[in-house]
Amino acid sequence: LAKDDIVIYESTVYPGATEEVCVPILEQQS
């Protein structure tokens, strides 16, 4: 990830998963 990048998820998840599961990983790794 670089500044101003956008990550769009299409996979089926439960409501809230993108921000609760994926976003923390993106923040931690980047």
All heavy atoms as atom14 arrays in JSON, in Angstrom:
{
  "sequence": "LAKDDIVIYESTVYPGATEEVCVPILEQQS",
  "atom14_mask": [
    [1, 1, 1, 1, 1, 1, 1, 1, 0, 0, 0, 0, 0, 0],
    [1, 1, 1, 1, 1, 0, 0, 0, 0, 0, 0, 0, 0, 0],
    [1, 1, 1, 1, 1, 1, 1, 1, 1, 0, 0, 0, 0, 0],
    [1, 1, 1, 1, 1, 1, 1, 1, 0, 0, 0, 0, 0, 0],
    [1, 1, 1, 1, 1, 1, 1, 1, 0, 0, 0, 0, 0, 0],
    [1, 1, 1, 1, 1, 1, 1, 1, 0, 0, 0, 0, 0, 0],
    [1, 1, 1, 1, 1, 1, 1, 0, 0, 0, 0, 0, 0, 0],
    [1, 1, 1, 1, 1, 1, 1, 1, 0, 0, 0, 0, 0, 0],
    [1, 1, 1, 1, 1, 1, 1, 1, 1, 1, 1, 1, 0, 0],
    [1, 1, 1, 1, 1, 1, 1, 1, 1, 0, 0, 0, 0, 0],
    [1, 1, 1, 1, 1, 1, 0, 0, 0, 0, 0, 0, 0, 0],
    [1, 1, 1, 1, 1, 1, 1, 0, 0, 0, 0, 0, 0, 0],
    [1, 1, 1, 1, 1, 1, 1, 0, 0, 0, 0, 0, 0, 0],
    [1, 1, 1, 1, 1, 1, 1, 1, 1, 1, 1, 1, 0, 0],
    [1, 1, 1, 1, 1, 1, 1, 0, 0, 0, 0, 0, 0, 0],
    [1, 1, 1, 1, 0, 0, 0, 0, 0, 0, 0, 0, 0, 0],
    [1, 1, 1, 1, 1, 0, 0, 0, 0, 0, 0, 0, 0, 0],
    [1, 1, 1, 1, 1, 1, 1, 0, 0, 0, 0, 0, 0, 0],
    [1, 1, 1, 1, 1, 1, 1, 1, 1, 0, 0, 0, 0, 0],
    [1, 1, 1, 1, 1, 1, 1, 1, 1, 0, 0, 0, 0, 0],
    [1, 1, 1, 1, 1, 1, 1, 0, 0, 0, 0, 0, 0, 0],
    [1, 1, 1, 1, 1, 1, 0, 0, 0, 0, 0, 0, 0, 0],
    [1, 1, 1, 1, 1, 1, 1, 0, 0, 0, 0, 0, 0, 0],
    [1, 1, 1, 1, 1, 1, 1, 0, 0, 0, 0, 0, 0, 0],
    [1, 1, 1, 1, 1, 1, 1, 1, 0, 0, 0, 0, 0, 0],
    [1, 1, 1, 1, 1, 1, 1, 1, 0, 0, 0, 0, 0, 0],
    [1, 1, 1, 1, 1, 1, 1, 1, 1, 0, 0, 0, 0, 0],
    [1, 1, 1, 1, 1, 1, 1, 1, 1, 0, 0, 0, 0, 0],
    [1, 1, 1, 1, 1, 1, 1, 1, 1, 0, 0, 0, 0, 0],
    [1, 1, 1, 1, 1, 1, 0, 0, 0, 0, 0, 0, 0, 0]
  ],
  "atom14_positions": [
    [[0.81, -1.22, 0.0], [0.0, 0.0, 0.0], [0.84, 1.27, 0.0], [1.85, 1.37, 0.7], [-0.92, 0.03, 1.23], [-2.29, -0.65, 1.12], [-3.08, -0.41, 2.4], [-3.07, -0.17, -0.09], [0.0, 0.0, 0.0], [0.0, 0.0, 0.0], [0.0, 0.0, 0.0], [0.0, 0.0, 0.0], [0.0, 0.0, 0.0], [0.0, 0.0, 0.0]],
    [[0.38, 2.23, -0.78], [0.98, 3.57, -0.8], [-0.11, 4.58, -0.46], [-1.3, 4.27, -0.45], [1.6, 3.86, -2.17], [0.0, 0.0, 0.0], [0.0, 0.0, 0.0], [0.0, 0.0, 0.0], [0.0, 0.0, 0.0], [0.0, 0.0, 0.0], [0.0, 0.0, 0.0], [0.0, 0.0, 0.0], [0.0, 0.0, 0.0], [0.0, 0.0, 0.0]],
    [[0.3, 5.8, -0.2], [-0.65, 6.85, 0.18], [-1.7, 7.05, -0.9], [-1.39, 7.06, -2.09], [0.09, 8.16, 0.46], [-0.78, 9.23, 1.08], [0.04, 10.41, 1.56], [-0.85, 11.54, 2.05], [-1.81, 11.15, 3.08], [0.0, 0.0, 0.0], [0.0, 0.0, 0.0], [0.0, 0.0, 0.0], [0.0, 0.0, 0.0], [0.0, 0.0, 0.0]],
    [[-2.95, 7.17, -0.46], [-4.14, 7.42, -1.29], [-4.63, 6.21, -2.07], [-5.55, 6.33, -2.88], [-3.9, 8.59, -2.26], [-3.69, 9.9, -1.53], [-4.31, 10.09, -0.46], [-2.89, 10.73, -2.02], [0.0, 0.0, 0.0], [0.0, 0.0, 0.0], [0.0, 0.0, 0.0], [0.0, 0.0, 0.0], [0.0, 0.0, 0.0], [0.0, 0.0, 0.0]],
    [[-4.03, 5.05, -1.83], [-4.52, 3.83, -2.47], [-5.91, 3.46, -1.93], [-6.26, 3.8, -0.79], [-3.57, 2.66, -2.23], [-2.3, 2.75, -3.08], [-2.22, 3.67, -3.91], [-1.4, 1.9, -2.89], [0.0, 0.0, 0.0], [0.0, 0.0, 0.0], [0.0, 0.0, 0.0], [0.0, 0.0, 0.0], [0.0, 0.0, 0.0], [0.0, 0.0, 0.0]],
    [[-6.66, 2.73, -2.75], [-7.99, 2.25, -2.36], [-8.01, 0.73, -2.47], [-7.59, 0.16, -3.48], [-9.09, 2.85, -3.27], [-9.07, 4.38, -3.22], [-10.47, 2.32, -2.87], [-10.01, 5.03, -4.22], [0.0, 0.0, 0.0], [0.0, 0.0, 0.0], [0.0, 0.0, 0.0], [0.0, 0.0, 0.0], [0.0, 0.0, 0.0], [0.0, 0.0, 0.0]],
    [[-8.53, 0.08, -1.43], [-8.7, -1.37, -1.44], [-10.19, -1.67, -1.41], [-10.9, -1.27, -0.49], [-8.01, -2.03, -0.22], [-8.12, -3.55, -0.33], [-6.55, -1.6, -0.11], [0.0, 0.0, 0.0], [0.0, 0.0, 0.0], [0.0, 0.0, 0.0], [0.0, 0.0, 0.0], [0.0, 0.0, 0.0], [0.0, 0.0, 0.0], [0.0, 0.0, 0.0]],
    [[-10.67, -2.38, -2.44], [-12.09, -2.71, -2.55], [-12.25, -4.22, -2.39], [-11.6, -5.0, -3.09], [-12.65, -2.28, -3.92], [-12.42, -0.78, -4.15], [-14.15, -2.6, -4.02], [-12.69, -0.34, -5.59], [0.0, 0.0, 0.0], [0.0, 0.0, 0.0], [0.0, 0.0, 0.0], [0.0, 0.0, 0.0], [0.0, 0.0, 0.0], [0.0, 0.0, 0.0]],
    [[-13.11, -4.6, -1.46], [-13.37, -6.02, -1.23], [-14.69, -6.42, -1.9], [-15.68, -5.68, -1.86], [-13.44, -6.32, 0.27], [-12.1, -6.19, 0.95], [-11.69, -4.98, 1.53], [-11.21, -7.26, 1.01], [-10.45, -4.85, 2.14], [-9.97, -7.14, 1.62], [-9.6, -5.94, 2.19], [-8.37, -5.81, 2.8], [0.0, 0.0, 0.0], [0.0, 0.0, 0.0]],
    [[-14.69, -7.61, -2.52], [-15.91, -8.13, -3.15], [-16.37, -9.44, -2.51], [-17.5, -9.87, -2.73], [-15.68, -8.36, -4.65], [-15.54, -7.09, -5.46], [-16.17, -7.22, -6.84], [-16.65, -8.33, -7.18], [-16.21, -6.22, -7.57], [0.0, 0.0, 0.0], [0.0, 0.0, 0.0], [0.0, 0.0, 0.0], [0.0, 0.0, 0.0], [0.0, 0.0, 0.0]],
    [[-15.51, -10.07, -1.73], [-15.82, -11.38, -1.17], [-16.94, -11.29, -0.13], [-17.08, -10.29, 0.57], [-14.57, -11.97, -0.5], [-13.47, -11.93, -1.37], [0.0, 0.0, 0.0], [0.0, 0.0, 0.0], [0.0, 0.0, 0.0], [0.0, 0.0, 0.0], [0.0, 0.0, 0.0], [0.0, 0.0, 0.0], [0.0, 0.0, 0.0], [0.0, 0.0, 0.0]],
    [[-17.73, -12.36, -0.05], [-18.8, -12.42, 0.95], [-18.22, -12.41, 2.36], [-17.33, -13.21, 2.67], [-19.64, -13.69, 0.76], [-20.22, -13.67, -0.53], [-20.73, -13.78, 1.82], [0.0, 0.0, 0.0], [0.0, 0.0, 0.0], [0.0, 0.0, 0.0], [0.0, 0.0, 0.0], [0.0, 0.0, 0.0], [0.0, 0.0, 0.0], [0.0, 0.0, 0.0]],
    [[-18.74, -11.53, 3.19], [-18.33, -11.47, 4.6], [-19.56, -11.14, 5.45], [-20.61, -10.78, 4.93], [-17.25, -10.4, 4.84], [-15.93, -10.8, 4.21], [-17.69, -9.04, 4.31], [0.0, 0.0, 0.0], [0.0, 0.0, 0.0], [0.0, 0.0, 0.0], [0.0, 0.0, 0.0], [0.0, 0.0, 0.0], [0.0, 0.0, 0.0], [0.0, 0.0, 0.0]],
    [[-19.42, -11.24, 6.76], [-20.5, -10.78, 7.64], [-20.42, -9.26, 7.78], [-19.34, -8.66, 7.57], [-20.43, -11.46, 9.01], [-19.09, -11.39, 9.7], [-18.67, -10.24, 10.35], [-18.24, -12.5, 9.71], [-17.44, -10.18, 10.98], [-17.01, -12.45, 10.35], [-16.63, -11.28, 10.99], [-15.41, -11.22, 11.61], [0.0, 0.0, 0.0], [0.0, 0.0, 0.0]],
    [[-21.51, -8.6, 8.1], [-21.48, -7.14, 8.23], [-20.45, -6.67, 9.25], [-20.45, -7.14, 10.4], [-22.91, -6.8, 8.69], [-23.74, -7.94, 8.2], [-22.86, -9.15, 8.3], [0.0, 0.0, 0.0], [0.0, 0.0, 0.0], [0.0, 0.0, 0.0], [0.0, 0.0, 0.0], [0.0, 0.0, 0.0], [0.0, 0.0, 0.0], [0.0, 0.0, 0.0]],
    [[-19.56, -5.81, 8.82], [-18.52, -5.28, 9.7], [-17.15, -5.88, 9.48], [-16.15, -5.36, 9.98], [0.0, 0.0, 0.0], [0.0, 0.0, 0.0], [0.0, 0.0, 0.0], [0.0, 0.0, 0.0], [0.0, 0.0, 0.0], [0.0, 0.0, 0.0], [0.0, 0.0, 0.0], [0.0, 0.0, 0.0], [0.0, 0.0, 0.0], [0.0, 0.0, 0.0]],
    [[-17.06, -6.97, 8.72], [-15.79, -7.69, 8.59], [-14.7, -6.86, 7.92], [-13.53, -6.93, 8.31], [-16.0, -8.99, 7.82], [0.0, 0.0, 0.0], [0.0, 0.0, 0.0], [0.0, 0.0, 0.0], [0.0, 0.0, 0.0], [0.0, 0.0, 0.0], [0.0, 0.0, 0.0], [0.0, 0.0, 0.0], [0.0, 0.0, 0.0], [0.0, 0.0, 0.0]],
    [[-15.05, -6.08, 6.9], [-14.04, -5.29, 6.19], [-13.31, -4.37, 7.15], [-12.06, -4.33, 7.18], [-14.68, -4.46, 5.07], [-15.28, -5.36, 4.13], [-13.64, -3.6, 4.36], [0.0, 0.0, 0.0], [0.0, 0.0, 0.0], [0.0, 0.0, 0.0], [0.0, 0.0, 0.0], [0.0, 0.0, 0.0], [0.0, 0.0, 0.0], [0.0, 0.0, 0.0]],
    [[-14.07, -3.65, 7.96], [-13.46, -2.66, 8.86], [-12.93, -3.29, 10.15], [-11.99, -2.78, 10.75], [-14.49, -1.57, 9.17], [-14.72, -0.65, 7.96], [-16.1, 0.0, 7.96], [-17.1, -0.74, 8.04], [-16.16, 1.23, 7.86], [0.0, 0.0, 0.0], [0.0, 0.0, 0.0], [0.0, 0.0, 0.0], [0.0, 0.0, 0.0], [0.0, 0.0, 0.0]],
    [[-13.5, -4.43, 10.56], [-13.06, -5.06, 11.81], [-11.9, -6.02, 11.61], [-11.05, -6.17, 12.5], [-14.24, -5.83, 12.44], [-15.38, -4.95, 12.9], [-16.64, -5.75, 13.23], [-16.54, -7.0, 13.3], [-17.71, -5.14, 13.4], [0.0, 0.0, 0.0], [0.0, 0.0, 0.0], [0.0, 0.0, 0.0], [0.0, 0.0, 0.0], [0.0, 0.0, 0.0]],
    [[-11.83, -6.69, 10.45], [-10.81, -7.71, 10.21], [-9.75, -7.23, 9.22], [-8.55, -7.3, 9.5], [-11.45, -9.02, 9.69], [-10.38, -10.06, 9.38], [-12.44, -9.57, 10.71], [0.0, 0.0, 0.0], [0.0, 0.0, 0.0], [0.0, 0.0, 0.0], [0.0, 0.0, 0.0], [0.0, 0.0, 0.0], [0.0, 0.0, 0.0], [0.0, 0.0, 0.0]],
    [[-10.19, -6.72, 8.08], [-9.25, -6.4, 6.99], [-8.48, -5.1, 7.23], [-7.25, -5.05, 7.03], [-9.99, -6.32, 5.66], [-10.85, -7.84, 5.23], [0.0, 0.0, 0.0], [0.0, 0.0, 0.0], [0.0, 0.0, 0.0], [0.0, 0.0, 0.0], [0.0, 0.0, 0.0], [0.0, 0.0, 0.0], [0.0, 0.0, 0.0], [0.0, 0.0, 0.0]],
    [[-9.18, -4.06, 7.65], [-8.53, -2.75, 7.82], [-7.38, -2.8, 8.82], [-6.29, -2.27, 8.54], [-9.57, -1.67, 8.2], [-8.87, -0.42, 8.72], [-10.43, -1.33, 6.99], [0.0, 0.0, 0.0], [0.0, 0.0, 0.0], [0.0, 0.0, 0.0], [0.0, 0.0, 0.0], [0.0, 0.0, 0.0], [0.0, 0.0, 0.0], [0.0, 0.0, 0.0]],
    [[-7.53, -3.41, 10.01], [-6.4, -3.48, 10.94], [-5.17, -4.17, 10.34], [-4.03, -3.77, 10.63], [-6.96, -4.28, 12.12], [-8.43, -4.03, 12.09], [-8.77, -3.96, 10.63], [0.0, 0.0, 0.0], [0.0, 0.0, 0.0], [0.0, 0.0, 0.0], [0.0, 0.0, 0.0], [0.0, 0.0, 0.0], [0.0, 0.0, 0.0], [0.0, 0.0, 0.0]],
    [[-5.4, -5.2, 9.5], [-4.28, -5.88, 8.85], [-3.59, -4.94, 7.87], [-2.36, -4.86, 7.81], [-4.77, -7.16, 8.13], [-5.28, -8.18, 9.15], [-3.65, -7.77, 7.29], [-6.0, -9.37, 8.52], [0.0, 0.0, 0.0], [0.0, 0.0, 0.0], [0.0, 0.0, 0.0], [0.0, 0.0, 0.0], [0.0, 0.0, 0.0], [0.0, 0.0, 0.0]],
    [[-4.39, -4.22, 7.09], [-3.82, -3.26, 6.13], [-3.0, -2.2, 6.85], [-1.91, -1.83, 6.41], [-4.94, -2.61, 5.32], [-5.75, -3.52, 4.39], [-6.95, -2.77, 3.8], [-4.88, -4.07, 3.27], [0.0, 0.0, 0.0], [0.0, 0.0, 0.0], [0.0, 0.0, 0.0], [0.0, 0.0, 0.0], [0.0, 0.0, 0.0], [0.0, 0.0, 0.0]],
    [[-3.53, -1.7, 7.97], [-2.8, -0.68, 8.75], [-1.5, -1.24, 9.31], [-0.45, -0.6, 9.24], [-3.68, -0.17, 9.88], [-4.81, 0.75, 9.44], [-5.53, 1.39, 10.61], [-5.84, 0.66, 11.58], [-5.8, 2.6, 10.57], [0.0, 0.0, 0.0], [0.0, 0.0, 0.0], [0.0, 0.0, 0.0], [0.0, 0.0, 0.0], [0.0, 0.0, 0.0]],
    [[-1.6, -2.44, 9.86], [-0.42, -3.05, 10.5], [0.69, -3.31, 9.48], [1.87, -3.03, 9.74], [-0.83, -4.37, 11.18], [0.32, -5.07, 11.89], [-0.1, -6.42, 12.45], [-1.05, -7.02, 11.96], [0.59, -6.9, 13.46], [0.0, 0.0, 0.0], [0.0, 0.0, 0.0], [0.0, 0.0, 0.0], [0.0, 0.0, 0.0], [0.0, 0.0, 0.0]],
    [[0.32, -3.85, 8.33], [1.32, -4.21, 7.33], [1.9, -2.99, 6.61], [3.06, -3.01, 6.2], [0.7, -5.16, 6.29], [0.28, -6.52, 6.84], [1.46, -7.37, 7.25], [2.55, -7.26, 6.71], [1.26, -8.22, 8.25], [0.0, 0.0, 0.0], [0.0, 0.0, 0.0], [0.0, 0.0, 0.0], [0.0, 0.0, 0.0], [0.0, 0.0, 0.0]],
    [[1.11, -1.94, 6.47], [1.56, -0.78, 5.69], [2.13, 0.34, 6.53], [2.92, 1.17, 6.04], [0.38, -0.22, 4.89], [-0.6, 0.33, 5.76], [0.0, 0.0, 0.0], [0.0, 0.0, 0.0], [0.0, 0.0, 0.0], [0.0, 0.0, 0.0], [0.0, 0.0, 0.0], [0.0, 0.0, 0.0], [0.0, 0.0, 0.0], [0.0, 0.0, 0.0]]
  ]
}
